[in-house]
Amino acid sequence: MAEKKYWKGLEELHPTPEFIELSQQEFGETLPVEMLGDGDSTNQATRRDFLKVLGFSVTAAAIAGCEMPVNRVAPYIFKPEEVIPGIATWYASSYINGSDYCSILVKTREGRPIKIEGNRDSMITKGGTSAKVQASVLSLYDTSRLTGPMTRSAKGAFEAAEWAVVDAAIVGKLKEKENAAVRILTSSIISPSTKKVMDSFTAAYPNTKVYTYDALSLSGMLEANMQSLGQSMIPHYHFEKAKVVVGFECDFLGGWVSPIEHTKGYVAQRKVSKSNPDMSRHYQFESRMSLAGSNADYRVPLKPSDVYIALVNLYDAITGSNASAGKKIADEKKAAKIKDAAKSLMEHQGQSLVVCGINDVNVQLMVNAINLALGNYGATIDTTMPSMMHSGIDSNLKDFIADINNGNADVVMINGCNPAYDSTMASQVAEALKKAPVSISFAGNMDETSQLCQYICPDHHYLESWNDAEPVKGCYSLAQPAIRNLFNTRQMQDSLLTWAGTGTNYYDFMVANWTSGPLAAEANPMRAFNKALQTGLYQPPMTAMTDMAAPPVFAVDTAAAQVISTAAKMAKGVELLAYDKIGLGDGRYANNPWLQEMPDPISKITWDNYLNASPEWAEENKLMHGDLVKVTANGNSIELPVAIQPGQARGSVSVALGYGRTVVGKAGKDVGVNAYPLLSMNGSNVSYYAADVQIEKLGKNSAFAQTQTHFNLYDGLAKRSIVKETTLAEYKKNPLAGNTDRADKLAHLDTFYPDYQ
């Protein structure tokens, strides 16, 4: 095997004498005592600045040296039977936050949740969790949470109120006008009981419309599936059954559809064993380096416009058609990889997956056409039991705004979304809410949208809530409170039931819905409910996947022509992709400092968003790592630093969404910049691409909090043989291939972890 050079950052790839000297020191920086001695700077320093100045190791030592505080503990007078001091109590529950879902186990001590683990019995998430799930415990104790209902006074300021007063006022407004028009804007709801609550509310107020909107949209896929498959749904993808995976701008391991589930399935096909002697083959065509792309066997960096063309070229290679009308990828090596991917897919028909994260109806129609041609429906793609996690349609937000502006909304309610921040129509939302006669937010924290409403009826944290979920059709899970609500909050469902005059609470409503619905056929429905609550799951036998009896007929050539046309419009100047980070997502997690401080898995940068640029393009434009630039797209501009990122397609840039929050707790306020204004609409759907982007160098530089080359072992990778690698063919012959020095190392080195040798 040819000798390779391993590197973690550009400094290691192209080392300077200064970097080599610095990397060989135990502590990379001298402590800037003079800065810390400046009273003004230390008083105003944030946690982020403090850590940047001291470095983690020095900070840890400083904290360890602090005197331990004296705490006094009062013993129980009447100890709960299930509580043993010092022994954890576990609750099976479900993490539900918009379209994010995970079946979980909650660890509590003395009645307080302290840790989340995955529920291994779940057929969906299979014991996995994510950074958001792990960090959600911190959000429970967030001091910026709203502590009770609030109403806007005549002077315009919010004032604390009692629930009885707020309920009376809202019910009065709902009944003030006969057949009052109620408009509810909500993120995707995966709870069947919550959907029934919405139905009960609509029964009480028949002129109610519910609009579903997701900031990170899959609307293009939903509309494409309605056209080509007859259902507005997201299929259930079985990565564990796919021998070949081809992704187009799709980070299915990071945030697309159901990343926890996809990761488990993907890994199952990547582990070589006696029962699974072959690994799956993964091709990735994308403009930015994603988590999925970083794990691919063959990764092809392409500008966004070329990703469109590559998809149609793949369709042509598989079907033998000429839907691309001769339009091809100019780079011969990259074009060859499309042919290689097509060959692998054809060799594994019914055992492959083609997935795409582009929010464009015509693009998704092409993806469906490819998977249909390969026979993947009913094999690796399940439409019998589809995913229920995403249902937001982008045009719903436009209709919601129009209803308010046209006087067709007497009462407006906002649940689980923040459209005054995270949409292409944020300013229109803000103006419309000012016109709404009555506006109500269920936000648990003050945000850009709730601050514009007249009433705020804060929802519980999910760890304080009863709830249920149906992440995949026919597969259910339950959520239960792991702690009594810390503040005077109330579940959104209880608020709607109260205003509808049902005379019941959400727990009783949910139990009735279960015993008369999913559990109706059980001999003892209530006992079955308690069992499901104990395990957190109700998973009847899954319905067998079925192939398309009659493959749907739709205009593939028309869709292909539209894709090629869109690619031509995009191929102007610098092209930009806006994406969501694994930690912050759409921005709802911005006030979680653990997620802010978590290094991005690719760039290893914390506490910021930035403009990813390829080394070649940055050199051509005389840009350095950290240079501040002004980025203009679709008539809007933002200023942010450049991060030189190997793997970013040349001639393209990318920026993360979810930053630049202005109405949020102190951990997230004004961290990074808001990139949502750079987005636009492509027909009825949000486009996360922008063409002809103008980038202006501002002559300033910003330092990143970046862990990319922390804990350097310059030359250590080569000298100590840390990286072990071999080919699959060699590994099949000898499981010790690539690790032949293992026995010698074990004989001469001690370890703290003998069980993992």
Foldseek 3Di string as FASTA:
>chain_A
DDDDDDDLDVCLVVPDPVRVVQLPDPDNDDQPVVQCPPPVCVVPDDPVRVCVRQPDVSVVVVVVPDDDDDDDDDDDPDDPPVADAPDWDKFWFWDDFQLAIFTWIFTDHPLATDFIWGQCPAPFLNTFDALQVGLLSVVLVDPQFDFFKWFQDPVGDIDHDDPVVVLVVVLCLLPVDPLAAEEEEEGFDQFPLLVVLVVLLCVLRVNYDYAYADLLALQLLQVLCCFFVVGSFAWDFQLLQALEEEEQQDQCCFDPNHNSRNVVSQVNQQDDDPVRLHHRAYEYEEQFCHPSQVPHPHYHHDFPLQSLQLLVLLLCLQPVDPLLVPDHDPDPVSRVVSNVSSVVLQVQQLRHAYYYSFNHNLSSNSRVSSNVSSQNALRRIFPPWGFSSHDHHLLSVVVSLVCLVVVNHQEYEYYSDDLLASALCNVSLLVSLLSHNAYEYQDRGDFPNRSSGRMYQHAASQLQDWTKGRRIHQWIFIRHHSHHGPRHHHHPSQSSCSSSVVPDGSVVSVLVCQCVPVQVPPPDRVVVVVVRRRSRIDHDPDDRGDGDPDRGDDDSSVSSVVSNVVSVVQPAFAKEFEAAASQQGQQPCLQSLVSQQQQGPFFQFHQEKAKEAEPVQCVVVVHDFFFWKWKDFPHDIDIHGYHHGHPRRHRYIYIYANAQTCRGDPNRHRGYRHPNNRWDADVRHIGRMTHPMDIGTDPDGDDTPGCSQPSHDSCCCVVVVPDFDDDSVVCVVPVCHSPVCVVVCVVPDDDPCVVVD
